[in-house]
Amino acid sequence: MEAKSAMEVIVANPTAGSCGTIGGALKGVADDLNSTSDELVKAYFASGIIGVYFA
């Protein structure tokens, strides 16, 4: 993970050649489940933490 000058944390989730797959999949599932934006953000953070664990 990386922190920028605005003191915000950027969750990087590289997936080799398919860098948009996780973001698109999470957004699509969130739309189907009528999830709130807060729930979607938590899902992005969860996927980022999984990426940090395996990286």
N, C-alpha and C. Protein backbone atom coordinates (compact mmCIF):
# COMPACT_ATOMS: atom_id res chain seq x y z
N MET A 1 0.85 -1.17 0.00
CA MET A 1 0.00 0.00 0.00
C MET A 1 0.89 1.23 0.00
N GLU A 2 0.32 2.33 -0.41
CA GLU A 2 1.09 3.54 -0.57
C GLU A 2 0.30 4.71 -0.02
N ALA A 3 0.96 5.64 0.64
CA ALA A 3 0.30 6.83 1.16
C ALA A 3 0.79 8.04 0.37
N LYS A 4 -0.12 8.85 -0.09
CA LYS A 4 0.23 10.04 -0.85
C LYS A 4 0.27 11.26 0.05
N SER A 5 0.62 12.42 -0.50
CA SER A 5 0.79 13.64 0.29
C SER A 5 -0.50 14.13 0.93
N ALA A 6 -1.65 13.73 0.41
CA ALA A 6 -2.93 14.14 1.00
C ALA A 6 -3.29 13.25 2.18
N MET A 7 -2.37 12.37 2.59
CA MET A 7 -2.57 11.46 3.72
C MET A 7 -3.69 10.46 3.48
N GLU A 8 -3.96 10.17 2.24
CA GLU A 8 -4.95 9.16 1.90
C GLU A 8 -4.22 7.88 1.52
N VAL A 9 -4.80 6.76 1.82
CA VAL A 9 -4.18 5.48 1.50
C VAL A 9 -4.71 4.99 0.16
N ILE A 10 -3.82 4.57 -0.69
CA ILE A 10 -4.20 4.03 -1.98
C ILE A 10 -4.09 2.51 -1.89
N VAL A 11 -5.17 1.82 -2.17
CA VAL A 11 -5.15 0.36 -2.14
C VAL A 11 -4.84 -0.13 -3.54
N ALA A 12 -3.64 -0.64 -3.72
CA ALA A 12 -3.24 -1.15 -5.02
C ALA A 12 -3.56 -2.64 -5.08
N ASN A 13 -4.17 -3.04 -6.17
CA ASN A 13 -4.58 -4.42 -6.31
C ASN A 13 -4.21 -4.93 -7.70
N PRO A 14 -2.91 -5.07 -7.98
CA PRO A 14 -2.52 -5.51 -9.32
C PRO A 14 -2.89 -6.96 -9.58
N THR A 15 -3.32 -7.23 -10.79
CA THR A 15 -3.69 -8.60 -11.15
C THR A 15 -3.01 -8.99 -12.46
N ALA A 16 -1.75 -8.63 -12.60
CA ALA A 16 -0.95 -8.94 -13.78
C ALA A 16 -1.57 -8.32 -15.03
N GLY A 17 -2.06 -9.10 -15.95
CA GLY A 17 -2.57 -8.57 -17.20
C GLY A 17 -4.02 -8.15 -17.17
N SER A 18 -4.68 -8.32 -16.05
CA SER A 18 -6.12 -8.01 -15.99
C SER A 18 -6.42 -7.05 -14.85
N CYS A 19 -5.79 -5.87 -14.91
CA CYS A 19 -5.85 -4.94 -13.78
C CYS A 19 -7.25 -4.40 -13.50
N GLY A 20 -8.19 -4.45 -14.44
CA GLY A 20 -9.54 -3.95 -14.19
C GLY A 20 -10.54 -5.01 -13.78
N THR A 21 -10.09 -6.24 -13.66
CA THR A 21 -11.01 -7.34 -13.40
C THR A 21 -11.66 -7.26 -12.02
N ILE A 22 -10.88 -7.05 -10.99
CA ILE A 22 -11.43 -7.03 -9.64
C ILE A 22 -12.36 -5.84 -9.45
N GLY A 23 -11.95 -4.68 -9.90
CA GLY A 23 -12.80 -3.50 -9.76
C GLY A 23 -14.13 -3.65 -10.49
N GLY A 24 -14.08 -4.14 -11.71
CA GLY A 24 -15.30 -4.34 -12.48
C GLY A 24 -16.19 -5.41 -11.90
N ALA A 25 -15.58 -6.48 -11.42
CA ALA A 25 -16.36 -7.56 -10.82
C ALA A 25 -17.04 -7.10 -9.54
N LEU A 26 -16.30 -6.39 -8.69
CA LEU A 26 -16.90 -5.90 -7.44
C LEU A 26 -18.03 -4.91 -7.72
N LYS A 27 -17.83 -4.04 -8.69
CA LYS A 27 -18.88 -3.06 -9.03
C LYS A 27 -20.11 -3.76 -9.58
N GLY A 28 -19.91 -4.75 -10.44
CA GLY A 28 -21.04 -5.48 -11.00
C GLY A 28 -21.83 -6.24 -9.95
N VAL A 29 -21.12 -6.91 -9.05
CA VAL A 29 -21.79 -7.65 -7.98
C VAL A 29 -22.51 -6.68 -7.04
N ALA A 30 -21.88 -5.56 -6.74
CA ALA A 30 -22.51 -4.57 -5.86
C ALA A 30 -23.79 -4.02 -6.48
N ASP A 31 -23.78 -3.80 -7.79
CA ASP A 31 -24.99 -3.33 -8.47
C ASP A 31 -26.09 -4.38 -8.41
N ASP A 32 -25.74 -5.63 -8.63
CA ASP A 32 -26.74 -6.71 -8.59
C ASP A 32 -27.33 -6.90 -7.21
N LEU A 33 -26.52 -6.69 -6.17
CA LEU A 33 -26.97 -6.88 -4.80
C LEU A 33 -27.55 -5.61 -4.18
N ASN A 34 -27.61 -4.53 -4.97
CA ASN A 34 -28.08 -3.23 -4.47
C ASN A 34 -27.32 -2.80 -3.23
N SER A 35 -26.01 -2.97 -3.25
CA SER A 35 -25.15 -2.60 -2.12
C SER A 35 -24.96 -1.09 -2.08
N THR A 36 -24.68 -0.60 -0.88
CA THR A 36 -24.39 0.83 -0.72
C THR A 36 -22.95 1.10 -1.13
N SER A 37 -22.63 2.36 -1.33
CA SER A 37 -21.26 2.70 -1.70
C SER A 37 -20.29 2.39 -0.56
N ASP A 38 -20.76 2.48 0.68
CA ASP A 38 -19.91 2.15 1.82
C ASP A 38 -19.55 0.66 1.82
N GLU A 39 -20.51 -0.18 1.48
CA GLU A 39 -20.24 -1.62 1.39
C GLU A 39 -19.27 -1.92 0.26
N LEU A 40 -19.39 -1.19 -0.84
CA LEU A 40 -18.48 -1.39 -1.97
C LEU A 40 -17.06 -0.99 -1.60
N VAL A 41 -16.91 0.11 -0.89
CA VAL A 41 -15.59 0.55 -0.45
C VAL A 41 -14.96 -0.50 0.47
N LYS A 42 -15.77 -1.07 1.37
CA LYS A 42 -15.26 -2.12 2.26
C LYS A 42 -14.80 -3.34 1.46
N ALA A 43 -15.52 -3.66 0.39
CA ALA A 43 -15.13 -4.78 -0.46
C ALA A 43 -13.81 -4.49 -1.17
N TYR A 44 -13.62 -3.24 -1.63
CA TYR A 44 -12.35 -2.87 -2.25
C TYR A 44 -11.21 -3.00 -1.25
N PHE A 45 -11.42 -2.53 -0.03
CA PHE A 45 -10.38 -2.64 0.99
C PHE A 45 -10.07 -4.10 1.32
N ALA A 46 -11.10 -4.93 1.40
CA ALA A 46 -10.90 -6.35 1.69
C ALA A 46 -10.06 -7.01 0.59
N SER A 47 -10.35 -6.68 -0.66
CA SER A 47 -9.56 -7.27 -1.75
C SER A 47 -8.13 -6.76 -1.72
N GLY A 48 -7.95 -5.51 -1.32
CA GLY A 48 -6.60 -4.96 -1.20
C GLY A 48 -5.80 -5.63 -0.11
N ILE A 49 -6.45 -5.92 1.02
CA ILE A 49 -5.76 -6.58 2.13
C ILE A 49 -5.37 -8.00 1.73
N ILE A 50 -6.22 -8.66 0.98
CA ILE A 50 -5.87 -10.00 0.48
C ILE A 50 -4.65 -9.91 -0.43
N GLY A 51 -4.62 -8.88 -1.27
CA GLY A 51 -3.46 -8.68 -2.15
C GLY A 51 -2.18 -8.40 -1.38
N VAL A 52 -2.27 -7.63 -0.31
CA VAL A 52 -1.09 -7.34 0.51
C VAL A 52 -0.60 -8.62 1.19
N TYR A 53 -1.52 -9.44 1.62
CA TYR A 53 -1.15 -10.69 2.29
C TYR A 53 -0.36 -11.61 1.36
N PHE A 54 -0.78 -11.70 0.10
CA PHE A 54 -0.14 -12.61 -0.83
C PHE A 54 1.04 -11.99 -1.57
N ALA A 55 1.22 -10.69 -1.48
CA ALA A 55 2.30 -10.03 -2.23
C ALA A 55 3.63 -10.10 -1.55
